[in-house]
Amino acid sequence: MFSLVRAFSSSACRASLAQFFEAGQALPPQTYTGRAWRASELRQKSFDDLHKLWYVLLKERNRLATQNEEARRLGITKQMWTNRGRVKKCQKSMARIKFVLNERQNSYEQAMAQKHV
């Protein structure tokens, strides 16, 4: 029975590590990606949508960090391979989500303060 549990847990571990690689490759071919999310677009999203988007971006950020580390480990120069543009777009989108949530929090606090006056 112990071997069954062990086999199950090791396969789950491999599956979870695979999510840090894009298309099953440590360094996928470079492709053009879209733009970062705009604050105006994020303001229209619900809290749940922003929460989900945050974790999608977090997973993307971790995937990109894995690719950067793999390129460094293999000695690949930034002139030959880089994902810096994607990293910047991810950082901007995450910063904008924080900004929009902070705007909502401030608006809520102001409304509550006016209500109690």
PDB file of N, CA and C in Angstrom:
ATOM      1  N   MET A   1       0.817  -1.190   0.000  1.00  0.00           N
ATOM      2  CA  MET A   1       0.000   0.000   0.000  1.00  0.00           C
ATOM      3  C   MET A   1       0.865   1.260   0.000  1.00  0.00           C
ATOM      4  N   PHE A   2       1.983   1.247   0.685  1.00  0.00           N
ATOM      5  CA  PHE A   2       2.868   2.396   0.735  1.00  0.00           C
ATOM      6  C   PHE A   2       3.388   2.764  -0.653  1.00  0.00           C
ATOM      7  N   SER A   3       3.693   1.752  -1.477  1.00  0.00           N
ATOM      8  CA  SER A   3       4.213   2.038  -2.816  1.00  0.00           C
ATOM      9  C   SER A   3       3.159   2.716  -3.686  1.00  0.00           C
ATOM     10  N   LEU A   4       1.884   2.403  -3.483  1.00  0.00           N
ATOM     11  CA  LEU A   4       0.822   3.066  -4.232  1.00  0.00           C
ATOM     12  C   LEU A   4       0.772   4.554  -3.904  1.00  0.00           C
ATOM     13  N   VAL A   5       0.858   4.865  -2.649  1.00  0.00           N
ATOM     14  CA  VAL A   5       0.811   6.261  -2.230  1.00  0.00           C
ATOM     15  C   VAL A   5       2.027   7.003  -2.759  1.00  0.00           C
ATOM     16  N   ARG A   6       3.167   6.391  -2.677  1.00  0.00           N
ATOM     17  CA  ARG A   6       4.394   7.023  -3.132  1.00  0.00           C
ATOM     18  C   ARG A   6       4.349   7.272  -4.641  1.00  0.00           C
ATOM     19  N   ALA A   7       3.876   6.304  -5.410  1.00  0.00           N
ATOM     20  CA  ALA A   7       3.790   6.473  -6.857  1.00  0.00           C
ATOM     21  C   ALA A   7       2.818   7.592  -7.204  1.00  0.00           C
ATOM     22  N   PHE A   8       1.731   7.680  -6.476  1.00  0.00           N
ATOM     23  CA  PHE A   8       0.747   8.724  -6.731  1.00  0.00           C
ATOM     24  C   PHE A   8       1.338  10.099  -6.447  1.00  0.00           C
ATOM     25  N   SER A   9       2.039  10.238  -5.343  1.00  0.00           N
ATOM     26  CA  SER A   9       2.569  11.551  -4.983  1.00  0.00           C
ATOM     27  C   SER A   9       3.686  11.996  -5.923  1.00  0.00           C
ATOM     28  N   SER A  10       4.503  11.083  -6.421  1.00  0.00           N
ATOM     29  CA  SER A  10       5.572  11.505  -7.327  1.00  0.00           C
ATOM     30  C   SER A  10       5.013  11.917  -8.680  1.00  0.00           C
ATOM     31  N   SER A  11       3.957  11.279  -9.147  1.00  0.00           N
ATOM     32  CA  SER A  11       3.372  11.697 -10.422  1.00  0.00           C
ATOM     33  C   SER A  11       2.686  13.048 -10.270  1.00  0.00           C
ATOM     34  N   ALA A  12       2.102  13.313  -9.117  1.00  0.00           N
ATOM     35  CA  ALA A  12       1.490  14.617  -8.887  1.00  0.00           C
ATOM     36  C   ALA A  12       2.560  15.697  -8.851  1.00  0.00           C
ATOM     37  N   CYS A  13       3.719  15.378  -8.330  1.00  0.00           N
ATOM     38  CA  CYS A  13       4.821  16.328  -8.267  1.00  0.00           C
ATOM     39  C   CYS A  13       5.303  16.677  -9.671  1.00  0.00           C
ATOM     40  N   ARG A  14       5.437  15.678 -10.529  1.00  0.00           N
ATOM     41  CA  ARG A  14       5.869  15.935 -11.901  1.00  0.00           C
ATOM     42  C   ARG A  14       4.862  16.790 -12.644  1.00  0.00           C
ATOM     43  N   ALA A  15       3.583  16.522 -12.435  1.00  0.00           N
ATOM     44  CA  ALA A  15       2.550  17.299 -13.104  1.00  0.00           C
ATOM     45  C   ALA A  15       2.591  18.745 -12.633  1.00  0.00           C
ATOM     46  N   SER A  16       2.837  18.963 -11.359  1.00  0.00           N
ATOM     47  CA  SER A  16       2.863  20.328 -10.861  1.00  0.00           C
ATOM     48  C   SER A  16       4.099  21.077 -11.355  1.00  0.00           C
ATOM     49  N   LEU A  17       5.214  20.392 -11.548  1.00  0.00           N
ATOM     50  CA  LEU A  17       6.407  21.052 -12.069  1.00  0.00           C
ATOM     51  C   LEU A  17       6.265  21.395 -13.544  1.00  0.00           C
ATOM     52  N   ALA A  18       5.477  20.634 -14.268  1.00  0.00           N
ATOM     53  CA  ALA A  18       5.298  20.884 -15.696  1.00  0.00           C
ATOM     54  C   ALA A  18       4.641  22.227 -15.960  1.00  0.00           C
ATOM     55  N   GLN A  19       3.902  22.746 -14.999  1.00  0.00           N
ATOM     56  CA  GLN A  19       3.236  24.029 -15.219  1.00  0.00           C
ATOM     57  C   GLN A  19       4.223  25.204 -15.258  1.00  0.00           C
ATOM     58  N   PHE A  20       5.481  24.978 -14.858  1.00  0.00           N
ATOM     59  CA  PHE A  20       6.480  26.026 -14.926  1.00  0.00           C
ATOM     60  C   PHE A  20       7.197  26.059 -16.268  1.00  0.00           C
ATOM     61  N   PHE A  21       6.812  25.181 -17.178  1.00  0.00           N
ATOM     62  CA  PHE A  21       7.417  25.139 -18.500  1.00  0.00           C
ATOM     63  C   PHE A  21       6.340  25.381 -19.539  1.00  0.00           C
ATOM     64  N   GLU A  22       6.652  26.213 -20.497  1.00  0.00           N
ATOM     65  CA  GLU A  22       5.706  26.569 -21.538  1.00  0.00           C
ATOM     66  C   GLU A  22       5.784  25.564 -22.675  1.00  0.00           C
ATOM     67  N   ALA A  23       4.678  24.972 -23.011  1.00  0.00           N
ATOM     68  CA  ALA A  23       4.590  23.988 -24.099  1.00  0.00           C
ATOM     69  C   ALA A  23       5.576  22.837 -23.897  1.00  0.00           C
ATOM     70  N   GLY A  24       5.848  22.495 -22.649  1.00  0.00           N
ATOM     71  CA  GLY A  24       6.740  21.390 -22.351  1.00  0.00           C
ATOM     72  C   GLY A  24       8.203  21.678 -22.612  1.00  0.00           C
ATOM     73  N   GLN A  25       8.551  22.931 -22.885  1.00  0.00           N
ATOM     74  CA  GLN A  25       9.937  23.290 -23.185  1.00  0.00           C
ATOM     75  C   GLN A  25      10.432  24.300 -22.150  1.00  0.00           C
ATOM     76  N   ALA A  26      11.661  24.126 -21.740  1.00  0.00           N
ATOM     77  CA  ALA A  26      12.244  25.071 -20.787  1.00  0.00           C
ATOM     78  C   ALA A  26      12.448  26.429 -21.439  1.00  0.00           C
ATOM     79  N   LEU A  27      12.882  26.445 -22.691  1.00  0.00           N
ATOM     80  CA  LEU A  27      13.080  27.698 -23.426  1.00  0.00           C
ATOM     81  C   LEU A  27      12.320  27.612 -24.752  1.00  0.00           C
ATOM     82  N   PRO A  28      11.043  27.987 -24.755  1.00  0.00           N
ATOM     83  CA  PRO A  28      10.260  27.897 -25.994  1.00  0.00           C
ATOM     84  C   PRO A  28      10.709  28.958 -26.987  1.00  0.00           C
ATOM     85  N   PRO A  29      10.382  28.770 -28.259  1.00  0.00           N
ATOM     86  CA  PRO A  29      10.736  29.799 -29.241  1.00  0.00           C
ATOM     87  C   PRO A  29      10.041  31.112 -28.888  1.00  0.00           C
ATOM     88  N   GLN A  30      10.720  32.221 -29.162  1.00  0.00           N
ATOM     89  CA  GLN A  30      10.149  33.518 -28.825  1.00  0.00           C
ATOM     90  C   GLN A  30       9.006  33.855 -29.768  1.00  0.00           C
ATOM     91  N   THR A  31       7.923  34.334 -29.172  1.00  0.00           N
ATOM     92  CA  THR A  31       6.754  34.733 -29.938  1.00  0.00           C
ATOM     93  C   THR A  31       6.290  36.094 -29.434  1.00  0.00           C
ATOM     94  N   TYR A  32       5.558  36.804 -30.271  1.00  0.00           N
ATOM     95  CA  TYR A  32       5.012  38.080 -29.872  1.00  0.00           C
ATOM     96  C   TYR A  32       3.812  37.826 -28.964  1.00  0.00           C
ATOM     97  N   THR A  33       3.757  38.554 -27.890  1.00  0.00           N
ATOM     98  CA  THR A  33       2.608  38.467 -26.995  1.00  0.00           C
ATOM     99  C   THR A  33       1.888  39.803 -27.000  1.00  0.00           C
ATOM    100  N   GLY A  34       0.683  39.799 -26.505  1.00  0.00           N
ATOM    101  CA  GLY A  34      -0.133  41.012 -26.472  1.00  0.00           C
ATOM    102  C   GLY A  34       0.434  42.056 -25.528  1.00  0.00           C
ATOM    103  N   ARG A  35      -0.386  43.010 -25.191  1.00  0.00           N
ATOM    104  CA  ARG A  35       0.037  44.113 -24.330  1.00  0.00           C
ATOM    105  C   ARG A  35      -0.388  43.851 -22.890  1.00  0.00           C
ATOM    106  N   ALA A  36       0.094  44.709 -22.014  1.00  0.00           N
ATOM    107  CA  ALA A  36      -0.309  44.629 -20.610  1.00  0.00           C
ATOM    108  C   ALA A  36      -1.755  45.109 -20.492  1.00  0.00           C
ATOM    109  N   TRP A  37      -2.437  44.694 -19.434  1.00  0.00           N
ATOM    110  CA  TRP A  37      -3.797  45.144 -19.172  1.00  0.00           C
ATOM    111  C   TRP A  37      -3.776  46.623 -18.819  1.00  0.00           C
ATOM    112  N   ARG A  38      -4.747  47.356 -19.305  1.00  0.00           N
ATOM    113  CA  ARG A  38      -4.897  48.773 -18.960  1.00  0.00           C
ATOM    114  C   ARG A  38      -5.734  48.889 -17.686  1.00  0.00           C
ATOM    115  N   ALA A  39      -5.464  49.945 -16.921  1.00  0.00           N
ATOM    116  CA  ALA A  39      -6.232  50.168 -15.684  1.00  0.00           C
ATOM    117  C   ALA A  39      -7.709  50.356 -16.000  1.00  0.00           C
ATOM    118  N   SER A  40      -8.021  51.026 -17.100  1.00  0.00           N
ATOM    119  CA  SER A  40      -9.431  51.246 -17.469  1.00  0.00           C
ATOM    120  C   SER A  40     -10.149  49.915 -17.728  1.00  0.00           C
ATOM    121  N   GLU A  41      -9.442  48.949 -18.295  1.00  0.00           N
ATOM    122  CA  GLU A  41     -10.037  47.625 -18.516  1.00  0.00           C
ATOM    123  C   GLU A  41     -10.229  46.889 -17.200  1.00  0.00           C
ATOM    124  N   LEU A  42      -9.254  47.027 -16.319  1.00  0.00           N
ATOM    125  CA  LEU A  42      -9.314  46.322 -15.039  1.00  0.00           C
ATOM    126  C   LEU A  42     -10.399  46.893 -14.132  1.00  0.00           C
ATOM    127  N   ARG A  43     -10.695  48.179 -14.255  1.00  0.00           N
ATOM    128  CA  ARG A  43     -11.751  48.792 -13.437  1.00  0.00           C
ATOM    129  C   ARG A  43     -13.105  48.186 -13.731  1.00  0.00           C
ATOM    130  N   GLN A  44     -13.280  47.636 -14.910  1.00  0.00           N
ATOM    131  CA  GLN A  44     -14.559  47.042 -15.305  1.00  0.00           C
ATOM    132  C   GLN A  44     -14.713  45.607 -14.812  1.00  0.00           C
ATOM    133  N   LYS A  45     -13.658  45.023 -14.311  1.00  0.00           N
ATOM    134  CA  LYS A  45     -13.675  43.627 -13.859  1.00  0.00           C
ATOM    135  C   LYS A  45     -14.196  43.534 -12.428  1.00  0.00           C
ATOM    136  N   SER A  46     -14.813  42.406 -12.125  1.00  0.00           N
ATOM    137  CA  SER A  46     -15.263  42.149 -10.753  1.00  0.00           C
ATOM    138  C   SER A  46     -14.064  41.773  -9.884  1.00  0.00           C
ATOM    139  N   PHE A  47     -14.279  41.770  -8.587  1.00  0.00           N
ATOM    140  CA  PHE A  47     -13.210  41.385  -7.671  1.00  0.00           C
ATOM    141  C   PHE A  47     -12.745  39.958  -7.964  1.00  0.00           C
ATOM    142  N   ASP A  48     -13.700  39.062  -8.201  1.00  0.00           N
ATOM    143  CA  ASP A  48     -13.342  37.664  -8.490  1.00  0.00           C
ATOM    144  C   ASP A  48     -12.523  37.550  -9.771  1.00  0.00           C
ATOM    145  N   ASP A  49     -12.895  38.321 -10.793  1.00  0.00           N
ATOM    146  CA  ASP A  49     -12.131  38.295 -12.040  1.00  0.00           C
ATOM    147  C   ASP A  49     -10.708  38.818 -11.826  1.00  0.00           C
ATOM    148  N   LEU A  50     -10.576  39.887 -11.042  1.00  0.00           N
ATOM    149  CA  LEU A  50      -9.245  40.418 -10.752  1.00  0.00           C
ATOM    150  C   LEU A  50      -8.420  39.419  -9.953  1.00  0.00           C
ATOM    151  N   HIS A  51      -9.080  38.728  -9.036  1.00  0.00           N
ATOM    152  CA  HIS A  51      -8.397  37.712  -8.227  1.00  0.00           C
ATOM    153  C   HIS A  51      -7.861  36.587  -9.123  1.00  0.00           C
ATOM    154  N   LYS A  52      -8.700  36.117 -10.039  1.00  0.00           N
ATOM    155  CA  LYS A  52      -8.282  35.055 -10.961  1.00  0.00           C
ATOM    156  C   LYS A  52      -7.159  35.533 -11.876  1.00  0.00           C
ATOM    157  N   LEU A  53      -7.307  36.757 -12.391  1.00  0.00           N
ATOM    158  CA  LEU A  53      -6.293  37.305 -13.279  1.00  0.00           C
ATOM    159  C   LEU A  53      -4.966  37.467 -12.554  1.00  0.00           C
ATOM    160  N   TRP A  54      -5.011  37.857 -11.273  1.00  0.00           N
ATOM    161  CA  TRP A  54      -3.787  37.989 -10.483  1.00  0.00           C
ATOM    162  C   TRP A  54      -3.030  36.665 -10.454  1.00  0.00           C
ATOM    163  N   TYR A  55      -3.747  35.557 -10.212  1.00  0.00           N
ATOM    164  CA  TYR A  55      -3.075  34.265 -10.122  1.00  0.00           C
ATOM    165  C   TYR A  55      -2.622  33.753 -11.483  1.00  0.00           C
ATOM    166  N   VAL A  56      -3.317  34.110 -12.546  1.00  0.00           N
ATOM    167  CA  VAL A  56      -2.842  33.770 -13.893  1.00  0.00           C
ATOM    168  C   VAL A  56      -1.525  34.503 -14.159  1.00  0.00           C
ATOM    169  N   LEU A  57      -1.479  35.789 -13.794  1.00  0.00           N
ATOM    170  CA  LEU A  57      -0.253  36.568 -13.991  1.00  0.00           C
ATOM    171  C   LEU A  57       0.869  36.087 -13.080  1.00  0.00           C
ATOM    172  N   LEU A  58       0.534  35.688 -11.870  1.00  0.00           N
ATOM    173  CA  LEU A  58       1.547  35.150 -10.955  1.00  0.00           C
ATOM    174  C   LEU A  58       2.162  33.875 -11.518  1.00  0.00           C
ATOM    175  N   LYS A  59       1.316  33.024 -12.069  1.00  0.00           N
ATOM    176  CA  LYS A  59       1.811  31.792 -12.682  1.00  0.00           C
ATOM    177  C   LYS A  59       2.690  32.113 -13.896  1.00  0.00           C
ATOM    178  N   GLU A  60       2.279  33.104 -14.688  1.00  0.00           N
ATOM    179  CA  GLU A  60       3.083  33.524 -15.842  1.00  0.00           C
ATOM    180  C   GLU A  60       4.420  34.088 -15.386  1.00  0.00           C
ATOM    181  N   ARG A  61       4.396  34.889 -14.332  1.00  0.00           N
ATOM    182  CA  ARG A  61       5.644  35.456 -13.810  1.00  0.00           C
ATOM    183  C   ARG A  61       6.593  34.354 -13.355  1.00  0.00           C
ATOM    184  N   ASN A  62       6.057  33.339 -12.696  1.00  0.00           N
ATOM    185  CA  ASN A  62       6.890  32.214 -12.256  1.00  0.00           C
ATOM    186  C   ASN A  62       7.420  31.419 -13.443  1.00  0.00           C
ATOM    187  N   ARG A  63       6.598  31.252 -14.471  1.00  0.00           N
ATOM    188  CA  ARG A  63       7.036  30.543 -15.671  1.00  0.00           C
ATOM    189  C   ARG A  63       8.176  31.311 -16.351  1.00  0.00           C
ATOM    190  N   LEU A  64       8.034  32.628 -16.431  1.00  0.00           N
ATOM    191  CA  LEU A  64       9.072  33.451 -17.047  1.00  0.00           C
ATOM    192  C   LEU A  64      10.354  33.440 -16.225  1.00  0.00           C
ATOM    193  N   ALA A  65      10.228  33.422 -14.899  1.00  0.00           N
ATOM    194  CA  ALA A  65      11.415  33.336 -14.040  1.00  0.00           C
ATOM    195  C   ALA A  65      12.121  31.994 -14.238  1.00  0.00           C
ATOM    196  N   THR A  66      11.353  30.931 -14.423  1.00  0.00           N
ATOM    197  CA  THR A  66      11.939  29.616 -14.700  1.00  0.00           C
ATOM    198  C   THR A  66      12.704  29.647 -16.014  1.00  0.00           C
ATOM    199  N   GLN A  67      12.130  30.278 -17.025  1.00  0.00           N
ATOM    200  CA  GLN A  67      12.807  30.377 -18.317  1.00  0.00           C
ATOM    201  C   GLN A  67      14.097  31.187 -18.199  1.00  0.00           C
ATOM    202  N   ASN A  68      14.053  32.291 -17.462  1.00  0.00           N
ATOM    203  CA  ASN A  68      15.261  33.098 -17.274  1.00  0.00           C
ATOM    204  C   ASN A  68      16.351  32.304 -16.571  1.00  0.00           C
ATOM    205  N   GLU A  69      15.969  31.567 -15.560  1.00  0.00           N
ATOM    206  CA  GLU A  69      16.949  30.764 -14.821  1.00  0.00           C
ATOM    207  C   GLU A  69      17.525  29.657 -15.700  1.00  0.00           C
ATOM    208  N   GLU A  70      16.683  29.054 -16.519  1.00  0.00           N
ATOM    209  CA  GLU A  70      17.152  27.995 -17.421  1.00  0.00           C
ATOM    210  C   GLU A  70      18.120  28.568 -18.455  1.00  0.00           C
ATOM    211  N   ALA A  71      17.817  29.742 -18.979  1.00  0.00           N
ATOM    212  CA  ALA A  71      18.718  30.381 -19.947  1.00  0.00           C
ATOM    213  C   ALA A  71      20.056  30.713 -19.282  1.00  0.00           C
ATOM    214  N   ARG A  72      20.003  31.202 -18.047  1.00  0.00           N
ATOM    215  CA  ARG A  72      21.237  31.506 -17.318  1.00  0.00           C
ATOM    216  C   ARG A  72      22.033  30.235 -17.065  1.00  0.00           C
ATOM    217  N   ARG A  73      21.341  29.169 -16.678  1.00  0.00           N
ATOM    218  CA  ARG A  73      22.005  27.896 -16.398  1.00  0.00           C
ATOM    219  C   ARG A  73      22.690  27.338 -17.632  1.00  0.00           C
ATOM    220  N   LEU A  74      22.065  27.510 -18.787  1.00  0.00           N
ATOM    221  CA  LEU A  74      22.620  27.004 -20.042  1.00  0.00           C
ATOM    222  C   LEU A  74      23.641  27.963 -20.661  1.00  0.00           C
ATOM    223  N   GLY A  75      23.823  29.126 -20.061  1.00  0.00           N
ATOM    224  CA  GLY A  75      24.797  30.088 -20.568  1.00  0.00           C
ATOM    225  C   GLY A  75      24.346  30.802 -21.826  1.00  0.00           C
ATOM    226  N   ILE A  76      23.046  30.928 -22.020  1.00  0.00           N
ATOM    227  CA  ILE A  76      22.513  31.603 -23.200  1.00  0.00           C
ATOM    228  C   ILE A  76      22.482  33.105 -22.919  1.00  0.00           C
ATOM    229  N   THR A  77      23.067  33.883 -23.810  1.00  0.00           N
ATOM    230  CA  THR A  77      23.131  35.324 -23.595  1.00  0.00           C
ATOM    231  C   THR A  77      21.777  35.975 -23.878  1.00  0.00           C
ATOM    232  N   LYS A  78      21.595  37.174 -23.345  1.00  0.00           N
ATOM    233  CA  LYS A  78      20.340  37.896 -23.535  1.00  0.00           C
ATOM    234  C   LYS A  78      20.163  38.349 -24.974  1.00  0.00           C
ATOM    235  N   GLN A  79      21.268  38.458 -25.718  1.00  0.00           N
ATOM    236  CA  GLN A  79      21.157  38.816 -27.123  1.00  0.00           C
ATOM    237  C   GLN A  79      20.567  37.660 -27.935  1.00  0.00           C
ATOM    238  N   MET A  80      20.782  36.435 -27.477  1.00  0.00           N
ATOM    239  CA  MET A  80      20.281  35.265 -28.194  1.00  0.00           C
ATOM    240  C   MET A  80      18.849  34.913 -27.790  1.00  0.00           C
ATOM    241  N   TRP A  81      18.517  35.112 -26.519  1.00  0.00           N
ATOM    242  CA  TRP A  81      17.187  34.719 -26.039  1.00  0.00           C
ATOM    243  C   TRP A  81      16.820  35.578 -24.834  1.00  0.00           C
ATOM    244  N   THR A  82      15.649  36.191 -24.896  1.00  0.00           N
ATOM    245  CA  THR A  82      15.169  36.966 -23.763  1.00  0.00           C
ATOM    246  C   THR A  82      13.642  36.974 -23.754  1.00  0.00           C
ATOM    247  N   ASN A  83      13.093  37.114 -22.579  1.00  0.00           N
ATOM    248  CA  ASN A  83      11.643  37.262 -22.442  1.00  0.00           C
ATOM    249  C   ASN A  83      11.337  38.527 -21.636  1.00  0.00           C
ATOM    250  N   ARG A  84      12.250  39.488 -21.718  1.00  0.00           N
ATOM    251  CA  ARG A  84      12.136  40.715 -20.919  1.00  0.00           C
ATOM    252  C   ARG A  84      10.836  41.466 -21.202  1.00  0.00           C
ATOM    253  N   GLY A  85      10.397  41.497 -22.455  1.00  0.00           N
ATOM    254  CA  GLY A  85       9.153  42.185 -22.792  1.00  0.00           C
ATOM    255  C   GLY A  85       7.955  41.566 -22.092  1.00  0.00           C
ATOM    256  N   ARG A  86       7.912  40.255 -22.068  1.00  0.00           N
ATOM    257  CA  ARG A  86       6.811  39.560 -21.392  1.00  0.00           C
ATOM    258  C   ARG A  86       6.848  39.795 -19.893  1.00  0.00           C
ATOM    259  N   VAL A  87       8.053  39.823 -19.328  1.00  0.00           N
ATOM    260  CA  VAL A  87       8.184  40.076 -17.885  1.00  0.00           C
ATOM    261  C   VAL A  87       7.646  41.462 -17.557  1.00  0.00           C
ATOM    262  N   LYS A  88       8.006  42.460 -18.356  1.00  0.00           N
ATOM    263  CA  LYS A  88       7.542  43.837 -18.128  1.00  0.00           C
ATOM    264  C   LYS A  88       6.024  43.931 -18.224  1.00  0.00           C
ATOM    265  N   LYS A  89       5.438  43.272 -19.224  1.00  0.00           N
ATOM    266  CA  LYS A  89       3.982  43.300 -19.383  1.00  0.00           C
ATOM    267  C   LYS A  89       3.291  42.668 -18.181  1.00  0.00           C
ATOM    268  N   CYS A  90       3.852  41.598 -17.694  1.00  0.00           N
ATOM    269  CA  CYS A  90       3.305  40.908 -16.524  1.00  0.00           C
ATOM    270  C   CYS A  90       3.412  41.813 -15.291  1.00  0.00           C
ATOM    271  N   GLN A  91       4.568  42.445 -15.103  1.00  0.00           N
ATOM    272  CA  GLN A  91       4.758  43.338 -13.957  1.00  0.00           C
ATOM    273  C   GLN A  91       3.802  44.521 -14.016  1.00  0.00           C
ATOM    274  N   LYS A  92       3.643  45.110 -15.194  1.00  0.00           N
ATOM    275  CA  LYS A  92       2.740  46.247 -15.341  1.00  0.00           C
ATOM    276  C   LYS A  92       1.305  45.851 -15.025  1.00  0.00           C
ATOM    277  N   SER A  93       0.876  44.707 -15.543  1.00  0.00           N
ATOM    278  CA  SER A  93      -0.494  44.258 -15.301  1.00  0.00           C
ATOM    279  C   SER A  93      -0.734  44.005 -13.821  1.00  0.00           C
ATOM    280  N   MET A  94       0.230  43.372 -13.149  1.00  0.00           N
ATOM    281  CA  MET A  94       0.077  43.101 -11.719  1.00  0.00           C
ATOM    282  C   MET A  94       0.055  44.408 -10.920  1.00  0.00           C
ATOM    283  N   ALA A  95       0.886  45.361 -11.291  1.00  0.00           N
ATOM    284  CA  ALA A  95       0.898  46.654 -10.605  1.00  0.00           C
ATOM    285  C   ALA A  95      -0.422  47.383 -10.818  1.00  0.00           C
ATOM    286  N   ARG A  96      -0.982  47.276 -12.002  1.00  0.00           N
ATOM    287  CA  ARG A  96      -2.257  47.937 -12.288  1.00  0.00           C
ATOM    288  C   ARG A  96      -3.413  47.292 -11.540  1.00  0.00           C
ATOM    289  N   ILE A  97      -3.370  45.980 -11.367  1.00  0.00           N
ATOM    290  CA  ILE A  97      -4.405  45.321 -10.561  1.00  0.00           C
ATOM    291  C   ILE A  97      -4.343  45.845  -9.131  1.00  0.00           C
ATOM    292  N   LYS A  98      -3.140  45.932  -8.578  1.00  0.00           N
ATOM    293  CA  LYS A  98      -2.987  46.475  -7.220  1.00  0.00           C
ATOM    294  C   LYS A  98      -3.516  47.908  -7.142  1.00  0.00           C
ATOM    295  N   PHE A  99      -3.224  48.705  -8.163  1.00  0.00           N
ATOM    296  CA  PHE A  99      -3.669  50.095  -8.195  1.00  0.00           C
ATOM    297  C   PHE A  99      -5.196  50.172  -8.205  1.00  0.00           C
ATOM    298  N   VAL A 100      -5.844  49.374  -9.050  1.00  0.00           N
ATOM    299  CA  VAL A 100      -7.300  49.379  -9.154  1.00  0.00           C
ATOM    300  C   VAL A 100      -7.931  48.918  -7.838  1.00  0.00           C
ATOM    301  N   LEU A 101      -7.374  47.884  -7.232  1.00  0.00           N
ATOM    302  CA  LEU A 101      -7.909  47.417  -5.946  1.00  0.00           C
ATOM    303  C   LEU A 101      -7.718  48.470  -4.858  1.00  0.00           C
ATOM    304  N   ASN A 102      -6.603  49.184  -4.903  1.00  0.00           N
ATOM    305  CA  ASN A 102      -6.362  50.252  -3.942  1.00  0.00           C
ATOM    306  C   ASN A 102      -7.357  51.399  -4.160  1.00  0.00           C
ATOM    307  N   GLU A 103      -7.648  51.719  -5.415  1.00  0.00           N
ATOM    308  CA  GLU A 103      -8.670  52.731  -5.717  1.00  0.00           C
ATOM    309  C   GLU A 103     -10.012  52.337  -5.121  1.00  0.00           C
ATOM    310  N   ARG A 104     -10.384  51.093  -5.298  1.00  0.00           N
ATOM    311  CA  ARG A 104     -11.663  50.610  -4.763  1.00  0.00           C
ATOM    312  C   ARG A 104     -11.683  50.677  -3.240  1.00  0.00           C
ATOM    313  N   GLN A 105     -10.584  50.290  -2.625  1.00  0.00           N
ATOM    314  CA  GLN A 105     -10.491  50.332  -1.165  1.00  0.00           C
ATOM    315  C   GLN A 105     -10.624  51.768  -0.657  1.00  0.00           C
ATOM    316  N   ASN A 106      -9.932  52.700  -1.301  1.00  0.00           N
ATOM    317  CA  ASN A 106     -10.005  54.107  -0.902  1.00  0.00           C
ATOM    318  C   ASN A 106     -11.408  54.668  -1.078  1.00  0.00           C
ATOM    319  N   SER A 107     -12.068  54.323  -2.182  1.00  0.00           N
ATOM    320  CA  SER A 107     -13.436  54.776  -2.415  1.00  0.00           C
ATOM    321  C   SER A 107     -14.381  54.239  -1.349  1.00  0.00           C
ATOM    322  N   TYR A 108     -14.213  52.988  -1.006  1.00  0.00           N
ATOM    323  CA  TYR A 108     -15.040  52.372   0.028  1.00  0.00           C
ATOM    324  C   TYR A 108     -14.832  53.065   1.372  1.00  0.00           C
ATOM    325  N   GLU A 109     -13.580  53.312   1.735  1.00  0.00           N
ATOM    326  CA  GLU A 109     -13.292  53.964   3.007  1.00  0.00           C
ATOM    327  C   GLU A 109     -13.841  55.383   3.055  1.00  0.00           C
ATOM    328  N   GLN A 110     -13.748  56.111   1.933  1.00  0.00           N
ATOM    329  CA  GLN A 110     -14.319  57.446   1.884  1.00  0.00           C
ATOM    330  C   GLN A 110     -15.830  57.417   2.027  1.00  0.00           C
ATOM    331  N   ALA A 111     -16.471  56.468   1.356  1.00  0.00           N
ATOM    332  CA  ALA A 111     -17.928  56.332   1.460  1.00  0.00           C
ATOM    333  C   ALA A 111     -18.345  55.997   2.882  1.00  0.00           C
ATOM    334  N   MET A 112     -17.603  55.136   3.535  1.00  0.00           N
ATOM    335  CA  MET A 112     -17.932  54.774   4.930  1.00  0.00           C
ATOM    336  C   MET A 112     -17.694  55.952   5.869  1.00  0.00           C
ATOM    337  N   ALA A 113     -16.664  56.732   5.616  1.00  0.00           N
ATOM    338  CA  ALA A 113     -16.379  57.899   6.461  1.00  0.00           C
ATOM    339  C   ALA A 113     -17.481  58.959   6.302  1.00  0.00           C
ATOM    340  N   GLN A 114     -17.967  59.160   5.071  1.00  0.00           N
ATOM    341  CA  GLN A 114     -19.038  60.122   4.839  1.00  0.00           C
ATOM    342  C   GLN A 114     -20.347  59.646   5.427  1.00  0.00           C
ATOM    343  N   LYS A 115     -20.543  58.359   5.430  1.00  0.00           N
ATOM    344  CA  LYS A 115     -21.766  57.782   5.979  1.00  0.00           C
ATOM    345  C   LYS A 115     -21.861  58.008   7.487  1.00  0.00           C
ATOM    346  N   HIS A 116     -20.718  57.976   8.162  1.00  0.00           N
ATOM    347  CA  HIS A 116     -20.678  58.121   9.613  1.00  0.00           C
ATOM    348  C   HIS A 116     -20.606  59.573  10.054  1.00  0.00           C
ATOM    349  N   VAL A 117     -20.492  60.504   9.118  1.00  0.00           N
ATOM    350  CA  VAL A 117     -20.395  61.931   9.495  1.00  0.00           C
ATOM    351  C   VAL A 117     -21.738  62.542   9.675  1.00  0.00           C
TER     352      VAL A 117
END
